């Protein structure tokens, strides 16, 4: 049996999802630079993660 290396390249959908997460992180960092207390609150960070990583993509998928 021969083993072959296979390179699993991300497709367009994978790159779109990754770009969405990068955008959410950039927005979170920008808000944190403007209001430093925003970064230090666990609950605000958890709420932002819920909103940016789950609710908004769900709404976009339903509308598209």
N, C-alpha and C. Protein backbone atom coordinates (compact mmCIF):
# COMPACT_ATOMS: atom_id res chain seq x y z
N UNK A 1 0.84 -1.16 0.00
CA UNK A 1 0.00 0.00 0.00
C UNK A 1 0.90 1.24 0.00
N UNK A 2 0.60 2.16 -0.89
CA UNK A 2 1.36 3.41 -0.96
C UNK A 2 0.52 4.53 -0.36
N UNK A 3 1.17 5.34 0.40
CA UNK A 3 0.49 6.51 0.95
C UNK A 3 0.81 7.71 0.07
N UNK A 4 -0.20 8.43 -0.25
CA UNK A 4 -0.02 9.63 -1.06
C UNK A 4 -0.35 10.85 -0.22
N UNK A 5 0.45 11.86 -0.40
CA UNK A 5 0.16 13.11 0.27
C UNK A 5 -0.93 13.83 -0.50
N UNK A 6 -1.90 14.28 0.21
CA UNK A 6 -2.94 15.07 -0.45
C UNK A 6 -3.03 16.42 0.26
N UNK A 7 -3.08 17.44 -0.52
CA UNK A 7 -3.16 18.79 0.01
C UNK A 7 -4.61 19.24 -0.08
N UNK A 8 -5.20 19.39 1.07
CA UNK A 8 -6.59 19.80 1.14
C UNK A 8 -6.64 21.32 1.13
N UNK A 9 -6.82 21.87 -0.05
CA UNK A 9 -6.89 23.33 -0.17
C UNK A 9 -8.28 23.80 0.17
N UNK A 10 -8.37 24.94 0.85
CA UNK A 10 -9.70 25.46 1.17
C UNK A 10 -10.41 25.94 -0.09
N UNK A 11 -11.70 25.69 -0.13
CA UNK A 11 -12.47 26.17 -1.28
C UNK A 11 -13.01 27.57 -0.98
N UNK A 12 -13.80 28.08 -1.88
CA UNK A 12 -14.30 29.46 -1.77
C UNK A 12 -15.16 29.65 -0.51
N UNK A 13 -15.98 28.66 -0.19
CA UNK A 13 -16.84 28.75 0.99
C UNK A 13 -16.00 28.81 2.27
N UNK A 14 -14.97 27.98 2.35
CA UNK A 14 -14.08 27.99 3.52
C UNK A 14 -13.43 29.36 3.68
N UNK A 15 -13.00 29.94 2.58
CA UNK A 15 -12.35 31.24 2.65
C UNK A 15 -13.33 32.34 3.04
N UNK A 16 -14.57 32.22 2.61
CA UNK A 16 -15.59 33.19 3.03
C UNK A 16 -15.85 33.12 4.52
N UNK A 17 -15.94 31.91 5.05
CA UNK A 17 -16.15 31.74 6.49
C UNK A 17 -14.96 32.30 7.26
N UNK A 18 -13.76 32.00 6.81
CA UNK A 18 -12.56 32.50 7.46
C UNK A 18 -12.52 34.03 7.41
N UNK A 19 -12.90 34.61 6.29
CA UNK A 19 -12.95 36.06 6.16
C UNK A 19 -13.96 36.68 7.11
N UNK A 20 -15.07 36.02 7.31
CA UNK A 20 -16.07 36.50 8.26
C UNK A 20 -15.53 36.53 9.68
N UNK A 21 -14.83 35.47 10.07
CA UNK A 21 -14.23 35.45 11.40
C UNK A 21 -13.15 36.52 11.54
N UNK A 22 -12.37 36.73 10.51
CA UNK A 22 -11.35 37.79 10.55
C UNK A 22 -12.00 39.17 10.67
N UNK A 23 -13.09 39.38 9.96
CA UNK A 23 -13.81 40.64 10.05
C UNK A 23 -14.38 40.84 11.45
N UNK A 24 -14.96 39.81 12.03
CA UNK A 24 -15.51 39.90 13.38
C UNK A 24 -14.40 40.22 14.39
N UNK A 25 -13.24 39.60 14.23
CA UNK A 25 -12.12 39.87 15.13
C UNK A 25 -11.63 41.30 14.97
N UNK A 26 -11.55 41.79 13.73
CA UNK A 26 -11.10 43.16 13.50
C UNK A 26 -12.06 44.18 14.11
N UNK A 27 -13.36 43.92 13.99
CA UNK A 27 -14.34 44.82 14.59
C UNK A 27 -14.22 44.81 16.10
N UNK A 28 -14.05 43.63 16.69
CA UNK A 28 -13.90 43.52 18.14
C UNK A 28 -12.67 44.27 18.63
N UNK A 29 -11.57 44.16 17.91
CA UNK A 29 -10.34 44.86 18.27
C UNK A 29 -10.52 46.36 18.12
N UNK A 30 -11.17 46.79 17.06
CA UNK A 30 -11.41 48.23 16.85
C UNK A 30 -12.28 48.81 17.96
N UNK A 31 -13.31 48.09 18.36
CA UNK A 31 -14.15 48.56 19.47
C UNK A 31 -13.33 48.59 20.75
N UNK A 32 -12.49 47.58 20.95
CA UNK A 32 -11.64 47.53 22.14
C UNK A 32 -10.63 48.65 22.20
N UNK A 33 -10.15 49.10 21.06
CA UNK A 33 -9.22 50.23 21.04
C UNK A 33 -9.96 51.52 21.40
N UNK A 34 -11.19 51.65 20.93
CA UNK A 34 -11.97 52.85 21.21
C UNK A 34 -12.45 52.88 22.66
N UNK A 35 -12.93 51.74 23.17
CA UNK A 35 -13.42 51.63 24.55
C UNK A 35 -12.73 50.46 25.21
N UNK A 36 -11.66 50.75 25.96
CA UNK A 36 -10.81 49.70 26.54
C UNK A 36 -11.59 48.80 27.50
N UNK A 37 -12.61 49.33 28.18
CA UNK A 37 -13.39 48.52 29.10
C UNK A 37 -14.14 47.40 28.39
N UNK A 38 -14.41 47.59 27.11
CA UNK A 38 -15.10 46.58 26.32
C UNK A 38 -14.30 45.28 26.27
N UNK A 39 -12.98 45.38 26.17
CA UNK A 39 -12.14 44.19 26.09
C UNK A 39 -12.06 43.45 27.41
N UNK A 40 -12.24 44.13 28.51
CA UNK A 40 -12.04 43.51 29.81
C UNK A 40 -13.28 42.83 30.36
N UNK A 41 -14.41 43.02 29.73
CA UNK A 41 -15.65 42.42 30.22
C UNK A 41 -15.86 41.05 29.57
N UNK A 42 -15.89 40.02 30.40
CA UNK A 42 -16.12 38.66 29.90
C UNK A 42 -17.49 38.54 29.25
N UNK A 43 -18.51 39.08 29.89
CA UNK A 43 -19.88 38.94 29.40
C UNK A 43 -20.10 39.69 28.09
N UNK A 44 -19.48 40.85 27.97
CA UNK A 44 -19.60 41.60 26.71
C UNK A 44 -18.91 40.83 25.59
N UNK A 45 -17.74 40.28 25.87
CA UNK A 45 -17.02 39.48 24.88
C UNK A 45 -17.80 38.23 24.47
N UNK A 46 -18.40 37.59 25.45
CA UNK A 46 -19.21 36.40 25.16
C UNK A 46 -20.43 36.77 24.32
N UNK A 47 -21.08 37.88 24.67
CA UNK A 47 -22.22 38.34 23.89
C UNK A 47 -21.83 38.71 22.47
N UNK A 48 -20.68 39.37 22.31
CA UNK A 48 -20.21 39.73 20.97
C UNK A 48 -19.92 38.48 20.15
N UNK A 49 -19.29 37.50 20.78
CA UNK A 49 -18.99 36.25 20.08
C UNK A 49 -20.27 35.57 19.63
N UNK A 50 -21.26 35.53 20.50
CA UNK A 50 -22.55 34.94 20.16
C UNK A 50 -23.18 35.68 18.99
N UNK A 51 -23.15 36.98 19.03
CA UNK A 51 -23.75 37.79 17.97
C UNK A 51 -22.98 37.67 16.66
N UNK A 52 -21.66 37.87 16.71
CA UNK A 52 -20.86 37.94 15.49
C UNK A 52 -20.57 36.58 14.87
N UNK A 53 -20.47 35.54 15.69
CA UNK A 53 -20.08 34.24 15.16
C UNK A 53 -21.25 33.28 14.96
N UNK A 54 -22.42 33.62 15.52
CA UNK A 54 -23.53 32.70 15.38
C UNK A 54 -24.79 33.36 14.81
N UNK A 55 -25.25 34.43 15.42
CA UNK A 55 -26.52 35.01 14.99
C UNK A 55 -26.45 35.69 13.63
N UNK A 56 -25.45 36.52 13.42
CA UNK A 56 -25.34 37.23 12.14
C UNK A 56 -25.12 36.27 10.98
N UNK A 57 -24.20 35.27 11.07
CA UNK A 57 -24.08 34.31 9.96
C UNK A 57 -25.37 33.52 9.71
N UNK A 58 -26.11 33.20 10.78
CA UNK A 58 -27.38 32.49 10.61
C UNK A 58 -28.38 33.34 9.83
N UNK A 59 -28.45 34.61 10.18
CA UNK A 59 -29.36 35.51 9.46
C UNK A 59 -28.95 35.68 8.00
N UNK A 60 -27.66 35.80 7.76
CA UNK A 60 -27.17 35.96 6.38
C UNK A 60 -27.49 34.71 5.56
N UNK A 61 -27.30 33.53 6.15
CA UNK A 61 -27.61 32.28 5.43
C UNK A 61 -29.09 32.18 5.10
N UNK A 62 -29.94 32.61 6.01
CA UNK A 62 -31.38 32.53 5.76
C UNK A 62 -31.83 33.51 4.70
N UNK A 63 -31.20 34.69 4.67
CA UNK A 63 -31.57 35.71 3.68
C UNK A 63 -31.01 35.40 2.30
N UNK A 64 -29.89 34.69 2.25
CA UNK A 64 -29.24 34.42 0.96
C UNK A 64 -29.87 33.25 0.24
